[in-house]
Amino acid sequence: MAQQKLYAGAKLREIRGRLGLTQKTFAAKLGVSLPYLNQMENNNRPVSTTVVLALAREFGQDVTELGHSDAERLVTDMREALADPVFSDVAPPLADLRLTASNAPALAHAFLALHRSYRETHERLASLDEALGREGAQLQPSPWEEVRDFFHYCDNYIDAVDQAAEHFSYAQGDARTAATHFFKSRNISVQLSQSDTLRHFDPHTQKLTLSAHAPPETRTFQMLLQIALLMQEPLLEATLDLARFQSDAARAIAKIGLANYFAGAAMLPYGAFLNSARSCRHDLELLANSFGASIEQVAHRLSTMQRPGAKGVPFFFVRVDQAGTITKRHSATRLQFARFGGACPLWNVHRAFETPGRFLRQLAETPDGVRYISLARDVSKPGGHFGAPLRRYAIALGCEVSHAPALVYADGLDLGHDTAFEPIGISCRICERTRCHQRSVPPLERRLTIHPHSRDLLPYEVN
């Protein structure tokens, strides 16, 4: 089989920009001519073996990152945005989207930001007519979406924060001990309360109050989160400066997000967690027991194990509520989630609510032919006392089927037969399956034929 050529122009430009080198200097260090480098950076030529070796030798670059880019997720995100009816007559072909994602990723990000702003404005106009009529009413882009995109395009891995959290945890042997030592050294008292408020810190009295109703792993996580806010302020602020958020609200949300990231990385420190995950073949229950964490915390952490030079299995992770709305999402795989609305109803994550306390396994295939193994489970969160609301969620964790030997959950599954893989999609508007019994709306870029005297699975025929 012929080896696939590597086109990584955007990545080469990114590396050169990070090093602060001109094209001429960069070309000299790589041992190629200036015109040849220019052609590679513009994807007119593939990256040569000579350049790959020079990147590793001269700059210590992890060359595996050359084959990893945001192109596929950008294409998915643009296709979903273009599924908006406002683009119904002008949707560009898939080939053009791929060229844009590969050669002009900044333009793709700008388009997505523009569409997000349009969509939010449209929704406000539809639902807040009275408010818009008042003097001083303003329309602002959603800071929540801005922050979610920040983590999405960082592969949900923030190296500086991850390294700091790992160092903090290792300093005392484990996260719980390190947290206890930190508060004791700062003369901060930690108390339990019968309140439903998970965490409250009073800087004047130097008292941290945690809910006695929360499970132990949640209380540990909240202690570590507070430590991030108290101890890692300079690091968090420096990371936020680099992100350049458009609003104070987005920056504030992102700061909490980074503090959450620190807490998760401290509870499950990268090196020890990666070794344990490999050793037990990613058994979530064993990992949760070993590290004093919840199933959801372990699953989420597995989706962040993308440290250069020490990457784990690339997982996707998602959490949905009972209405099918995605409340958390990340993918280090080629599978991307719908940015707006719910997930594909054929996905096993929706069935997890029907079987509380059990893991559901699914072999699935997306319309692009990529096959996955998906693990789903409900993660209901009781309030801890009578009358407290029960929060019900389901999570899914999965990876491409090529990584099945690394997963204990793949044992006994029939990976060798096509019929074992269920067809799933991302969003009906960008799913090209023509005979899906769960389709809610027609796919974009397809013509429809209506037969008034005949009815099949769908009330129309997708051509």
Protein backbone atom coordinates (compact mmCIF):
# COMPACT_ATOMS: atom_id res chain seq x y z
CA MET A 1 0.00 0.00 0.00
CA ALA A 2 1.40 3.41 -0.96
CA GLN A 3 2.39 5.59 1.98
CA GLN A 4 0.07 8.57 2.49
CA LYS A 5 1.73 11.91 1.86
CA LEU A 6 1.90 14.32 4.76
CA TYR A 7 0.59 17.82 4.12
CA ALA A 8 1.10 19.94 7.21
CA GLY A 9 1.53 23.52 6.01
CA ALA A 10 -0.47 25.12 8.82
CA LYS A 11 1.51 23.13 11.41
CA LEU A 12 4.84 24.18 9.88
CA ARG A 13 3.76 27.84 9.96
CA GLU A 14 2.66 27.41 13.57
CA ILE A 15 6.03 25.88 14.58
CA ARG A 16 7.98 28.61 12.79
CA GLY A 17 5.86 31.32 14.42
CA ARG A 18 6.33 29.76 17.85
CA LEU A 19 10.10 29.75 17.31
CA GLY A 20 10.07 33.33 16.04
CA LEU A 21 12.01 32.48 12.87
CA THR A 22 11.79 33.96 9.39
CA GLN A 23 11.12 31.65 6.48
CA LYS A 24 14.73 32.09 5.32
CA THR A 25 16.23 31.11 8.69
CA PHE A 26 13.75 28.27 9.18
CA ALA A 27 14.53 26.87 5.72
CA ALA A 28 18.28 27.00 6.40
CA LYS A 29 17.91 25.10 9.69
CA LEU A 30 15.73 22.49 7.98
CA GLY A 31 18.22 22.08 5.14
CA VAL A 32 15.81 23.03 2.34
CA SER A 33 15.53 25.94 -0.04
CA LEU A 34 13.32 28.94 0.71
CA PRO A 35 10.97 28.25 -2.25
CA TYR A 36 10.61 24.61 -1.17
CA LEU A 37 9.69 25.63 2.39
CA ASN A 38 7.20 28.15 1.02
CA GLN A 39 5.55 25.42 -1.05
CA MET A 40 5.33 23.08 1.97
CA GLU A 41 3.85 25.81 4.17
CA ASN A 42 1.17 26.42 1.54
CA ASN A 43 0.45 22.68 1.11
CA ASN A 44 1.66 22.72 -2.48
CA ARG A 45 4.17 20.01 -1.53
CA PRO A 46 4.09 17.33 1.16
CA VAL A 47 6.48 17.54 4.09
CA SER A 48 9.60 15.59 3.17
CA THR A 49 11.36 13.01 5.34
CA THR A 50 14.37 15.35 5.50
CA VAL A 51 12.24 18.07 7.06
CA VAL A 52 10.61 15.68 9.55
CA LEU A 53 14.03 14.49 10.75
CA ALA A 54 15.36 18.05 10.92
CA LEU A 55 12.40 19.16 13.03
CA ALA A 56 13.16 16.42 15.54
CA ARG A 57 16.94 16.98 15.46
CA GLU A 58 17.15 20.78 15.40
CA PHE A 59 14.13 21.74 17.49
CA GLY A 60 13.23 18.61 19.50
CA GLN A 61 9.79 18.69 17.86
CA ASP A 62 7.40 15.81 18.55
CA VAL A 63 6.96 14.88 14.89
CA THR A 64 3.82 12.87 15.63
CA GLU A 65 2.08 16.22 16.02
CA LEU A 66 2.64 16.98 12.32
CA GLY A 67 -0.06 14.51 11.42
CA HIS A 68 -2.41 15.95 14.03
CA SER A 69 -4.25 19.15 13.32
CA ASP A 70 -7.58 20.79 13.87
CA ALA A 71 -8.51 20.24 10.22
CA GLU A 72 -11.01 17.41 10.72
CA ARG A 73 -12.80 19.02 13.65
CA LEU A 74 -12.84 22.35 11.80
CA VAL A 75 -14.45 20.66 8.79
CA THR A 76 -17.05 19.05 11.05
CA ASP A 77 -17.78 22.33 12.84
CA MET A 78 -18.07 24.25 9.55
CA ARG A 79 -20.38 21.64 8.06
CA GLU A 80 -22.64 21.86 11.08
CA ALA A 81 -22.65 25.65 10.96
CA LEU A 82 -23.42 25.54 7.23
CA ALA A 83 -26.37 23.26 8.01
CA ASP A 84 -28.07 26.40 9.29
CA PRO A 85 -30.99 27.11 6.92
CA VAL A 86 -29.55 30.57 6.28
CA PHE A 87 -26.89 28.85 4.13
CA SER A 88 -29.28 26.52 2.33
CA ASP A 89 -28.52 27.90 -1.14
CA VAL A 90 -24.83 28.67 -0.79
CA ALA A 91 -23.25 25.73 1.07
CA PRO A 92 -19.77 25.10 -0.37
CA PRO A 93 -18.68 21.55 -1.31
CA LEU A 94 -16.84 19.41 1.19
CA ALA A 95 -13.58 19.68 -0.76
CA ASP A 96 -13.59 23.47 -0.31
CA LEU A 97 -14.14 23.11 3.42
CA ARG A 98 -11.18 20.76 3.69
CA LEU A 99 -8.97 23.18 1.80
CA THR A 100 -10.03 26.01 4.09
CA ALA A 101 -9.41 23.97 7.24
CA SER A 102 -5.97 22.89 6.03
CA ASN A 103 -4.71 26.10 4.43
CA ALA A 104 -6.61 28.85 6.25
CA PRO A 105 -7.56 27.61 9.74
CA ALA A 106 -7.70 31.18 11.10
CA LEU A 107 -10.35 32.02 8.50
CA ALA A 108 -12.32 28.89 9.49
CA HIS A 109 -12.23 29.91 13.17
CA ALA A 110 -13.35 33.43 12.24
CA PHE A 111 -16.26 32.03 10.23
CA LEU A 112 -17.34 29.81 13.16
CA ALA A 113 -17.15 32.75 15.56
CA LEU A 114 -19.22 34.87 13.17
CA HIS A 115 -21.86 32.18 12.77
CA ARG A 116 -22.01 31.66 16.53
CA SER A 117 -22.55 35.38 17.01
CA TYR A 118 -25.26 35.43 14.32
CA ARG A 119 -27.03 32.44 15.84
CA GLU A 120 -27.04 33.87 19.35
CA THR A 121 -28.25 37.23 18.07
CA HIS A 122 -31.04 35.53 16.12
CA GLU A 123 -32.15 33.59 19.19
CA ARG A 124 -32.22 36.72 21.32
CA LEU A 125 -34.21 38.60 18.70
CA ALA A 126 -36.73 35.77 18.66
CA SER A 127 -37.13 35.46 22.42
CA LEU A 128 -36.35 38.87 23.89
CA ASP A 129 -38.39 41.30 21.80
CA GLU A 130 -39.50 43.23 24.83
CA ALA A 131 -35.99 43.52 26.26
CA LEU A 132 -34.59 44.62 22.91
CA GLY A 133 -37.06 47.45 22.85
CA ARG A 134 -35.64 48.95 26.00
CA GLU A 135 -32.94 51.56 25.82
CA GLY A 136 -29.46 50.19 26.43
CA ALA A 137 -30.24 46.58 25.52
CA GLN A 138 -27.15 44.92 24.03
CA LEU A 139 -26.37 41.68 22.26
CA GLN A 140 -23.18 39.93 23.31
CA PRO A 141 -21.58 36.75 21.99
CA SER A 142 -21.88 33.85 24.43
CA PRO A 143 -18.82 33.73 26.72
CA TRP A 144 -19.68 30.12 27.54
CA GLU A 145 -19.30 29.08 23.88
CA GLU A 146 -16.08 31.07 23.59
CA VAL A 147 -14.54 29.23 26.54
CA ARG A 148 -15.76 25.86 25.32
CA ASP A 149 -14.10 26.49 21.97
CA PHE A 150 -10.86 27.45 23.74
CA PHE A 151 -10.60 24.06 25.43
CA HIS A 152 -11.91 22.30 22.32
CA TYR A 153 -9.10 23.59 20.11
CA CYS A 154 -6.44 23.03 22.81
CA ASP A 155 -7.30 19.30 22.68
CA ASN A 156 -8.53 19.78 26.25
CA TYR A 157 -4.89 19.58 27.35
CA ILE A 158 -3.23 22.63 28.95
CA ASP A 159 0.39 21.63 29.46
CA ALA A 160 1.56 24.28 31.96
CA VAL A 161 -1.45 23.75 34.23
CA ASP A 162 -1.21 19.96 33.90
CA GLN A 163 2.49 19.95 34.81
CA ALA A 164 1.91 22.24 37.81
CA ALA A 165 -0.91 20.03 39.10
CA GLU A 166 1.20 16.90 38.73
CA HIS A 167 4.11 18.51 40.61
CA PHE A 168 1.76 19.62 43.40
CA SER A 169 0.31 16.14 43.83
CA TYR A 170 3.67 14.35 43.76
CA ALA A 171 5.16 16.72 46.36
CA GLN A 172 3.15 15.03 49.14
CA GLY A 173 2.57 11.62 47.60
CA ASP A 174 -1.09 12.07 46.68
CA ALA A 175 -3.60 14.85 46.06
CA ARG A 176 -5.57 14.48 49.29
CA THR A 177 -2.44 14.62 51.47
CA ALA A 178 -1.06 17.53 49.46
CA ALA A 179 -4.33 19.45 49.85
CA THR A 180 -4.45 18.86 53.61
CA HIS A 181 -0.84 20.01 53.98
CA PHE A 182 -1.50 23.13 51.89
CA PHE A 183 -4.42 24.35 54.02
CA LYS A 184 -2.60 23.54 57.25
CA SER A 185 0.51 25.48 56.10
CA ARG A 186 -1.68 28.50 55.21
CA ASN A 187 -3.65 28.34 58.47
CA ILE A 188 -6.86 27.82 56.51
CA SER A 189 -9.48 25.80 58.36
CA VAL A 190 -11.54 23.26 56.41
CA GLN A 191 -15.01 22.54 57.79
CA LEU A 192 -18.03 20.54 56.71
CA SER A 193 -21.49 22.07 56.53
CA GLN A 194 -25.01 20.72 56.11
CA SER A 195 -25.55 23.27 53.35
CA ASP A 196 -26.05 22.18 49.73
CA THR A 197 -23.36 24.69 48.63
CA LEU A 198 -20.47 22.50 47.50
CA ARG A 199 -17.69 24.96 48.37
CA HIS A 200 -17.38 28.39 49.98
CA PHE A 201 -14.14 30.16 50.87
CA ASP A 202 -14.10 33.23 53.11
CA PRO A 203 -10.82 35.13 52.60
CA HIS A 204 -11.38 37.23 55.73
CA THR A 205 -11.81 34.35 58.17
CA GLN A 206 -9.57 32.02 56.12
CA LYS A 207 -12.21 29.31 56.30
CA LEU A 208 -13.11 26.82 53.57
CA THR A 209 -16.53 25.22 53.95
CA LEU A 210 -17.49 22.06 52.06
CA SER A 211 -20.86 20.34 51.84
CA ALA A 212 -21.10 17.26 54.04
CA HIS A 213 -23.67 15.91 51.57
CA ALA A 214 -21.10 15.69 48.74
CA PRO A 215 -19.23 12.37 48.24
CA PRO A 216 -15.55 12.27 49.33
CA GLU A 217 -14.17 12.51 45.79
CA THR A 218 -16.21 15.66 45.17
CA ARG A 219 -14.97 17.26 48.38
CA THR A 220 -11.35 16.45 47.41
CA PHE A 221 -11.91 17.94 43.98
CA GLN A 222 -13.38 21.13 45.45
CA MET A 223 -10.42 21.50 47.82
CA LEU A 224 -8.00 21.20 44.90
CA LEU A 225 -10.02 23.68 42.87
CA GLN A 226 -9.76 26.22 45.70
CA ILE A 227 -6.02 25.58 45.93
CA ALA A 228 -5.69 26.36 42.23
CA LEU A 229 -7.40 29.73 42.79
CA LEU A 230 -5.19 30.54 45.79
CA MET A 231 -1.86 29.05 44.77
CA GLN A 232 -1.80 29.14 40.97
CA GLU A 233 -3.15 32.66 40.35
CA PRO A 234 -0.11 33.83 38.28
CA LEU A 235 -0.19 30.69 36.12
CA LEU A 236 -3.94 30.92 35.52
CA GLU A 237 -3.75 34.61 34.65
CA ALA A 238 -0.81 34.07 32.26
CA THR A 239 -2.75 31.32 30.48
CA LEU A 240 -5.79 33.59 30.22
CA ASP A 241 -3.62 36.37 28.75
CA LEU A 242 -2.50 34.03 25.98
CA ALA A 243 -6.11 33.00 25.23
CA ARG A 244 -7.20 36.63 24.56
CA PHE A 245 -10.88 36.23 25.39
CA GLN A 246 -13.24 38.85 24.02
CA SER A 247 -15.09 39.59 27.24
CA ASP A 248 -14.49 39.74 30.98
CA ALA A 249 -17.23 37.16 31.44
CA ALA A 250 -15.47 34.67 29.15
CA ARG A 251 -12.20 35.23 30.99
CA ALA A 252 -13.89 34.67 34.36
CA ILE A 253 -15.54 31.44 33.15
CA ALA A 254 -12.26 30.24 31.66
CA LYS A 255 -10.45 30.89 34.94
CA ILE A 256 -12.86 28.58 36.75
CA GLY A 257 -12.40 26.09 33.91
CA LEU A 258 -8.62 26.18 34.35
CA ALA A 259 -8.99 25.76 38.10
CA ASN A 260 -11.22 22.74 37.45
CA TYR A 261 -8.56 21.43 35.07
CA PHE A 262 -5.90 21.81 37.78
CA ALA A 263 -8.07 19.95 40.29
CA GLY A 264 -8.67 17.02 37.93
CA ALA A 265 -4.99 16.84 36.96
CA ALA A 266 -3.91 16.92 40.62
CA MET A 267 -6.35 14.15 41.61
CA LEU A 268 -5.22 12.06 38.66
CA PRO A 269 -1.57 13.09 38.03
CA TYR A 270 -0.51 12.49 34.45
CA GLY A 271 2.36 10.01 34.77
CA ALA A 272 0.92 7.81 37.50
CA PHE A 273 -2.57 7.87 35.98
CA LEU A 274 -1.32 7.04 32.48
CA ASN A 275 0.72 4.08 33.78
CA SER A 276 -2.20 2.78 35.83
CA ALA A 277 -4.62 3.18 32.92
CA ARG A 278 -2.35 1.18 30.64
CA SER A 279 -1.75 -1.46 33.31
CA CYS A 280 -5.46 -2.14 33.97
CA ARG A 281 -6.43 -1.60 30.31
CA HIS A 282 -8.48 1.48 31.16
CA ASP A 283 -10.83 -0.20 33.64
CA LEU A 284 -12.73 2.85 34.92
CA GLU A 285 -13.83 1.25 38.16
CA LEU A 286 -10.32 0.11 39.09
CA LEU A 287 -8.93 3.55 38.28
CA ALA A 288 -11.63 5.28 40.30
CA ASN A 289 -10.90 3.09 43.33
CA SER A 290 -7.13 3.48 42.99
CA PHE A 291 -7.20 7.28 42.86
CA GLY A 292 -10.22 8.01 45.05
CA ALA A 293 -12.09 9.56 42.12
CA SER A 294 -15.51 9.21 40.54
CA ILE A 295 -16.24 7.34 37.30
CA GLU A 296 -16.98 10.66 35.58
CA GLN A 297 -13.73 12.23 36.81
CA VAL A 298 -11.73 9.27 35.51
CA ALA A 299 -13.49 9.26 32.13
CA HIS A 300 -13.01 13.00 31.70
CA ARG A 301 -9.32 12.74 32.62
CA LEU A 302 -8.76 9.98 30.07
CA SER A 303 -9.91 12.37 27.34
CA THR A 304 -7.15 14.86 28.28
CA MET A 305 -4.14 12.52 28.07
CA GLN A 306 -2.52 14.24 25.11
CA ARG A 307 0.84 15.39 26.52
CA PRO A 308 3.43 15.66 23.70
CA GLY A 309 5.81 12.71 23.84
CA ALA A 310 3.62 10.78 26.32
CA LYS A 311 0.18 10.56 24.76
CA GLY A 312 -2.42 8.09 25.93
CA VAL A 313 -5.19 6.49 23.90
CA PRO A 314 -7.08 9.28 22.09
CA PHE A 315 -10.57 9.16 23.61
CA PHE A 316 -13.75 11.11 23.10
CA PHE A 317 -15.78 12.03 26.18
CA VAL A 318 -19.29 13.44 26.40
CA ARG A 319 -21.92 14.02 29.06
CA VAL A 320 -25.61 14.44 28.24
CA ASP A 321 -28.72 15.18 30.27
CA GLN A 322 -32.04 13.39 29.98
CA ALA A 323 -33.18 15.72 27.20
CA GLY A 324 -30.16 14.69 25.12
CA THR A 325 -28.44 18.07 25.49
CA ILE A 326 -24.66 17.83 25.55
CA THR A 327 -23.35 19.44 28.74
CA LYS A 328 -19.70 18.39 28.39
CA ARG A 329 -17.87 17.33 25.27
CA HIS A 330 -14.37 16.69 24.08
CA SER A 331 -12.79 14.54 21.41
CA ALA A 332 -9.17 13.68 20.76
CA THR A 333 -10.45 11.38 17.98
CA ARG A 334 -11.90 12.08 14.57
CA LEU A 335 -15.41 11.87 16.05
CA GLN A 336 -16.78 15.36 16.71
CA PHE A 337 -19.96 16.24 18.54
CA ALA A 338 -22.80 18.50 17.51
CA ARG A 339 -22.01 22.01 18.75
CA PHE A 340 -25.70 22.88 18.95
CA GLY A 341 -28.52 20.60 20.09
CA GLY A 342 -28.33 16.95 21.04
CA ALA A 343 -26.33 13.92 19.98
CA CYS A 344 -27.34 11.18 17.56
CA PRO A 345 -30.24 9.19 19.11
CA LEU A 346 -28.71 5.91 17.90
CA TRP A 347 -25.74 6.38 20.21
CA ASN A 348 -25.70 4.18 23.32
CA VAL A 349 -25.21 7.14 25.70
CA HIS A 350 -28.97 7.78 25.56
CA ARG A 351 -29.78 4.21 26.62
CA ALA A 352 -27.60 4.48 29.74
CA PHE A 353 -30.46 6.16 31.63
CA GLU A 354 -32.46 2.93 31.26
CA THR A 355 -29.78 0.78 32.94
CA PRO A 356 -28.48 2.69 35.98
CA GLY A 357 -25.23 1.43 37.46
CA ARG A 358 -24.27 -0.60 34.38
CA PHE A 359 -21.75 -0.04 31.60
CA LEU A 360 -23.15 -0.32 28.08
CA ARG A 361 -20.80 -1.21 25.21
CA GLN A 362 -21.37 -0.33 21.60
CA LEU A 363 -19.49 -0.83 18.36
CA ALA A 364 -20.37 2.06 16.08
CA GLU A 365 -19.51 3.38 12.65
CA THR A 366 -19.84 7.01 11.56
CA PRO A 367 -20.77 8.03 8.00
CA ASP A 368 -17.10 8.59 7.13
CA GLY A 369 -16.45 4.88 7.70
CA VAL A 370 -14.48 5.27 10.93
CA ARG A 371 -15.32 2.66 13.56
CA TYR A 372 -15.40 3.20 17.32
CA ILE A 373 -15.96 1.38 20.56
CA SER A 374 -18.16 3.42 22.89
CA LEU A 375 -18.75 2.91 26.60
CA ALA A 376 -21.75 4.56 28.26
CA ARG A 377 -23.01 4.77 31.84
CA ASP A 378 -25.39 6.88 33.87
CA VAL A 379 -23.78 9.16 36.48
CA SER A 380 -26.71 10.29 38.61
CA LYS A 381 -25.80 12.76 41.35
CA PRO A 382 -28.02 12.49 44.46
CA GLY A 383 -28.41 15.55 46.65
CA GLY A 384 -27.41 13.75 49.85
CA HIS A 385 -30.61 14.24 51.83
CA PHE A 386 -34.35 13.80 51.50
CA GLY A 387 -35.93 16.39 49.24
CA ALA A 388 -32.68 17.32 47.50
CA PRO A 389 -32.92 17.25 43.70
CA LEU A 390 -31.43 14.29 41.83
CA ARG A 391 -29.27 15.39 38.90
CA ARG A 392 -29.26 12.76 36.18
CA TYR A 393 -26.60 12.57 33.48
CA ALA A 394 -25.06 9.92 31.28
CA ILE A 395 -21.49 9.84 30.03
CA ALA A 396 -19.85 8.16 27.06
CA LEU A 397 -16.17 7.39 26.60
CA GLY A 398 -14.77 5.82 23.47
CA CYS A 399 -11.98 5.52 20.96
CA GLU A 400 -11.34 4.23 17.47
CA VAL A 401 -11.59 0.47 17.25
CA SER A 402 -7.89 0.16 16.36
CA HIS A 403 -7.20 0.84 20.07
CA ALA A 404 -9.52 -1.97 21.23
CA PRO A 405 -6.66 -4.19 22.54
CA ALA A 406 -5.88 -1.46 25.10
CA LEU A 407 -9.46 -1.57 26.49
CA VAL A 408 -10.76 -4.24 28.83
CA TYR A 409 -14.26 -3.31 27.63
CA ALA A 410 -13.47 -4.63 24.14
CA ASP A 411 -13.05 -8.19 25.40
CA GLY A 412 -15.66 -10.52 23.93
CA LEU A 413 -16.92 -8.07 21.30
CA ASP A 414 -17.15 -9.24 17.69
CA LEU A 415 -14.75 -6.77 16.08
CA GLY A 416 -14.33 -8.77 12.89
CA HIS A 417 -17.84 -8.55 11.45
CA ASP A 418 -19.34 -5.52 9.75
CA THR A 419 -22.80 -6.23 11.14
CA ALA A 420 -21.53 -5.75 14.70
CA PHE A 421 -21.09 -2.02 14.10
CA GLU A 422 -24.17 0.16 14.49
CA PRO A 423 -24.48 3.20 12.21
CA ILE A 424 -24.40 6.48 14.14
CA GLY A 425 -23.96 10.10 13.10
CA ILE A 426 -23.27 13.52 14.55
CA SER A 427 -26.21 15.70 13.60
CA CYS A 428 -29.05 14.94 11.21
CA ARG A 429 -28.32 18.00 9.09
CA ILE A 430 -24.78 16.82 8.29
CA CYS A 431 -25.36 13.06 8.40
CA GLU A 432 -25.42 11.57 4.91
CA ARG A 433 -27.20 8.33 5.77
CA THR A 434 -30.20 8.03 3.47
CA ARG A 435 -32.25 5.39 5.31
CA CYS A 436 -31.94 6.24 9.01
CA HIS A 437 -35.18 5.48 10.86
CA GLN A 438 -34.36 8.12 13.49
CA ARG A 439 -33.72 11.00 11.09
CA SER A 440 -35.43 14.21 12.24
CA VAL A 441 -34.56 16.63 9.41
CA PRO A 442 -33.19 16.16 5.86
CA PRO A 443 -29.43 16.23 5.33
CA LEU A 444 -27.72 19.27 3.88
CA GLU A 445 -26.28 19.07 0.33
CA ARG A 446 -28.80 16.40 -0.72
CA ARG A 447 -31.76 16.74 -3.04
CA LEU A 448 -35.14 15.41 -1.91
CA THR A 449 -37.86 13.66 -3.87
CA ILE A 450 -41.40 13.61 -2.49
CA HIS A 451 -43.75 10.74 -3.41
CA PRO A 452 -47.27 11.81 -2.36
CA HIS A 453 -48.75 8.32 -2.91
CA SER A 454 -46.02 6.36 -1.17
CA ARG A 455 -44.42 6.41 2.29
CA ASP A 456 -41.21 4.63 3.35
CA LEU A 457 -39.13 5.13 6.51
CA LEU A 458 -39.10 8.85 5.77
CA PRO A 459 -41.73 11.09 4.17
CA TYR A 460 -39.18 11.95 1.44
CA GLU A 461 -36.47 10.22 -0.58
CA VAL A 462 -32.89 11.42 -0.14
CA ASN A 463 -31.05 11.48 -3.48
